[in-house]
C-alpha atoms as a PDB file:
ATOM      1  CA  MET A   1      80.239  90.575 102.861  1.00  0.00           C
ATOM      2  CA  SER A   2      83.232  88.358 103.417  1.00  0.00           C
ATOM      3  CA  VAL A   3      85.896  87.923 100.777  1.00  0.00           C
ATOM      4  CA  ARG A   4      86.262  84.444  99.284  1.00  0.00           C
ATOM      5  CA  TRP A   5      88.602  83.068  96.643  1.00  0.00           C
ATOM      6  CA  SER A   6      87.951  79.965  94.569  1.00  0.00           C
ATOM      7  CA  PHE A   7      90.255  78.183  92.160  1.00  0.00           C
ATOM      8  CA  SER A   8      89.725  76.090  89.056  1.00  0.00           C
ATOM      9  CA  TRP A   9      92.295  74.050  87.125  1.00  0.00           C
ATOM     10  CA  GLU A  10      92.113  74.940  83.419  1.00  0.00           C
ATOM     11  CA  ASP A  11      94.667  74.574  80.638  1.00  0.00           C
ATOM     12  CA  GLU A  12      97.377  73.406  83.058  1.00  0.00           C
ATOM     13  CA  GLU A  13      97.061  76.382  85.433  1.00  0.00           C
ATOM     14  CA  TRP A  14      95.000  77.563  88.353  1.00  0.00           C
ATOM     15  CA  LEU A  15      92.553  80.356  87.631  1.00  0.00           C
ATOM     16  CA  ALA A  16      91.451  82.489  90.564  1.00  0.00           C
ATOM     17  CA  THR A  17      88.018  83.968  91.175  1.00  0.00           C
ATOM     18  CA  ARG A  18      87.212  86.339  94.001  1.00  0.00           C
ATOM     19  CA  THR A  19      83.862  87.177  95.581  1.00  0.00           C
ATOM     20  CA  PRO A  20      83.346  90.112  95.551  1.00  0.00           C
ATOM     21  CA  PRO A  21      85.184  90.363  92.219  1.00  0.00           C
ATOM     22  CA  ALA A  22      88.826  91.418  92.189  1.00  0.00           C
ATOM     23  CA  ASP A  23      90.270  93.763  89.628  1.00  0.00           C
ATOM     24  CA  ASN A  24      92.261  92.086  86.867  1.00  0.00           C
ATOM     25  CA  ASN A  25      95.620  93.158  88.324  1.00  0.00           C
ATOM     26  CA  LEU A  26      94.964  91.535  91.719  1.00  0.00           C
ATOM     27  CA  LYS A  27      93.674  88.369  90.031  1.00  0.00           C
ATOM     28  CA  LEU A  28      96.791  88.249  87.835  1.00  0.00           C
ATOM     29  CA  ALA A  29      99.054  88.808  90.861  1.00  0.00           C
ATOM     30  CA  ILE A  30      97.486  85.850  92.687  1.00  0.00           C
ATOM     31  CA  GLU A  31      97.594  83.602  89.618  1.00  0.00           C
ATOM     32  CA  THR A  32     101.239  84.537  88.994  1.00  0.00           C
ATOM     33  CA  LEU A  33     102.181  83.909  92.621  1.00  0.00           C
ATOM     34  CA  ILE A  34     100.706  80.398  92.637  1.00  0.00           C
ATOM     35  CA  VAL A  35     102.107  79.164  89.297  1.00  0.00           C
ATOM     36  CA  PRO A  36     105.104  77.391  90.921  1.00  0.00           C
ATOM     37  CA  PHE A  37     102.803  75.337  93.160  1.00  0.00           C
ATOM     38  CA  GLY A  38     101.463  73.495  90.123  1.00  0.00           C
ATOM     39  CA  ARG A  39      99.002  70.929  91.432  1.00  0.00           C
ATOM     40  CA  SER A  40     100.910  70.275  94.666  1.00  0.00           C
ATOM     41  CA  TRP A  41      98.815  70.994  97.733  1.00  0.00           C
ATOM     42  CA  GLN A  42     101.877  69.953  99.740  1.00  0.00           C
ATOM     43  CA  ALA A  43     103.821  72.889  98.274  1.00  0.00           C
ATOM     44  CA  VAL A  44     101.041  75.276  99.288  1.00  0.00           C
ATOM     45  CA  ASP A  45     100.894  73.797 102.786  1.00  0.00           C
ATOM     46  CA  ASN A  46     104.697  74.067 103.098  1.00  0.00           C
ATOM     47  CA  TYR A  47     104.509  77.713 102.023  1.00  0.00           C
ATOM     48  CA  LEU A  48     101.860  78.387 104.671  1.00  0.00           C
ATOM     49  CA  GLU A  49     103.941  76.652 107.325  1.00  0.00           C
ATOM     50  CA  VAL A  50     106.967  78.804 106.464  1.00  0.00           C
ATOM     51  CA  TRP A  51     104.698  81.881 106.491  1.00  0.00           C
ATOM     52  CA  ARG A  52     103.467  81.077 110.008  1.00  0.00           C
ATOM     53  CA  ASN A  53     106.968  80.292 111.273  1.00  0.00           C
ATOM     54  CA  MET A  54     108.300  83.580 109.897  1.00  0.00           C
ATOM     55  CA  GLU A  55     105.477  85.395 111.671  1.00  0.00           C
ATOM     56  CA  LEU A  56     106.494  83.800 114.968  1.00  0.00           C
ATOM     57  CA  GLU A  57     110.168  84.620 114.416  1.00  0.00           C
ATOM     58  CA  HIS A  58     109.931  88.076 112.846  1.00  0.00           C
ATOM     59  CA  GLY A  59     106.586  89.583 113.817  1.00  0.00           C
ATOM     60  CA  ALA A  60     105.034  91.747 111.146  1.00  0.00           C
ATOM     61  CA  GLU A  61     107.882  92.351 108.683  1.00  0.00           C
ATOM     62  CA  TYR A  62     109.210  89.501 106.573  1.00  0.00           C
ATOM     63  CA  SER A  63     109.131  88.080 103.071  1.00  0.00           C
ATOM     64  CA  VAL A  64     108.186  84.608 101.819  1.00  0.00           C
ATOM     65  CA  SER A  65     108.150  84.531  98.037  1.00  0.00           C
ATOM     66  CA  THR A  66     107.701  82.051  95.225  1.00  0.00           C
ATOM     67  CA  PRO A  67     109.880  81.970  92.099  1.00  0.00           C
ATOM     68  CA  SER A  68     107.201  83.978  90.292  1.00  0.00           C
ATOM     69  CA  ALA A  69     106.290  86.754  92.770  1.00  0.00           C
ATOM     70  CA  ALA A  70     107.632  88.407  95.910  1.00  0.00           C
ATOM     71  CA  VAL A  71     105.376  88.463  98.964  1.00  0.00           C
ATOM     72  CA  GLU A  72     106.253  90.807 101.794  1.00  0.00           C
ATOM     73  CA  ARG A  73     104.360  91.326 104.976  1.00  0.00           C
ATOM     74  CA  ILE A  74     104.591  95.071 105.341  1.00  0.00           C
ATOM     75  CA  SER A  75     102.517  95.435 108.516  1.00  0.00           C
ATOM     76  CA  ARG A  76     100.562  93.367 111.001  1.00  0.00           C
ATOM     77  CA  ASP A  77      97.520  93.509 108.707  1.00  0.00           C
ATOM     78  CA  THR A  78      98.874  93.887 105.151  1.00  0.00           C
ATOM     79  CA  VAL A  79     100.889  91.937 102.585  1.00  0.00           C
ATOM     80  CA  GLU A  80     102.273  93.239  99.323  1.00  0.00           C
ATOM     81  CA  ILE A  81     102.620  90.959  96.320  1.00  0.00           C
ATOM     82  CA  GLY A  82     105.430  92.275  94.187  1.00  0.00           C
ATOM     83  CA  ASP A  83     105.973  91.639  90.518  1.00  0.00           C
ATOM     84  CA  LEU A  84     109.271  90.039  89.510  1.00  0.00           C
ATOM     85  CA  TYR A  85     108.879  89.899  85.719  1.00  0.00           C
ATOM     86  CA  ASP A  86     106.751  92.900  84.679  1.00  0.00           C
ATOM     87  CA  GLN A  87     103.529  90.901  84.618  1.00  0.00           C
ATOM     88  CA  PHE A  88     101.396  92.949  87.044  1.00  0.00           C
ATOM     89  CA  GLU A  89     101.465  96.025  89.252  1.00  0.00           C
ATOM     90  CA  ASP A  90     102.398  95.404  92.895  1.00  0.00           C
ATOM     91  CA  VAL A  91      99.260  94.925  95.017  1.00  0.00           C
ATOM     92  CA  ARG A  92      98.378  94.937  98.684  1.00  0.00           C
ATOM     93  CA  LEU A  93      95.764  92.903 100.469  1.00  0.00           C
ATOM     94  CA  PRO A  94      94.870  91.975 104.036  1.00  0.00           C
ATOM     95  CA  VAL A  95      96.982  89.253 105.659  1.00  0.00           C
ATOM     96  CA  ASP A  96      93.865  87.266 106.589  1.00  0.00           C
ATOM     97  CA  GLU A  97      92.656  87.261 102.989  1.00  0.00           C
ATOM     98  CA  PHE A  98      96.090  86.148 101.774  1.00  0.00           C
ATOM     99  CA  VAL A  99      96.297  83.221 104.208  1.00  0.00           C
ATOM    100  CA  THR A 100      92.698  82.205 103.524  1.00  0.00           C
ATOM    101  CA  LEU A 101      93.147  82.209  99.753  1.00  0.00           C
ATOM    102  CA  LEU A 102      96.177  79.924 100.071  1.00  0.00           C
ATOM    103  CA  THR A 103      94.237  77.622 102.390  1.00  0.00           C
ATOM    104  CA  ASP A 104      91.398  77.571  99.843  1.00  0.00           C
ATOM    105  CA  LEU A 105      93.883  76.834  97.043  1.00  0.00           C
ATOM    106  CA  SER A 106      95.249  73.864  98.982  1.00  0.00           C
ATOM    107  CA  ALA A 107      91.701  72.555  99.479  1.00  0.00           C
ATOM    108  CA  ALA A 108      90.933  72.984  95.766  1.00  0.00           C
ATOM    109  CA  MET A 109      94.065  71.034  94.883  1.00  0.00           C
ATOM    110  CA  ARG A 110      93.128  68.192  97.226  1.00  0.00           C
ATOM    111  CA  ASN A 111      89.690  67.988  95.610  1.00  0.00           C
ATOM    112  CA  GLN A 112      91.099  68.096  92.058  1.00  0.00           C
END
């Protein structure tokens, strides 16, 4: 089964849902990370562009964060989302899942 994220805009924030379901900590990490994007798909697309450029320049070890969470690529296949304000426990997920969820968020914003 492939992993898919979907996003809904409720009470002035994006709520994340994962199939298969994510634990509450991972869901909170994603929702915290994306808070600064607001409803701006352009901000998400800019983030993804920087992410891809950093990959070209630095290979598998770099960081591209938002004001609400630190994101570090710790290997070719894994990212770690780090907590900045004691809101969640640091989590790891596959790079492909991370990029896909941001792409899906951008699409959700465009359709909002």
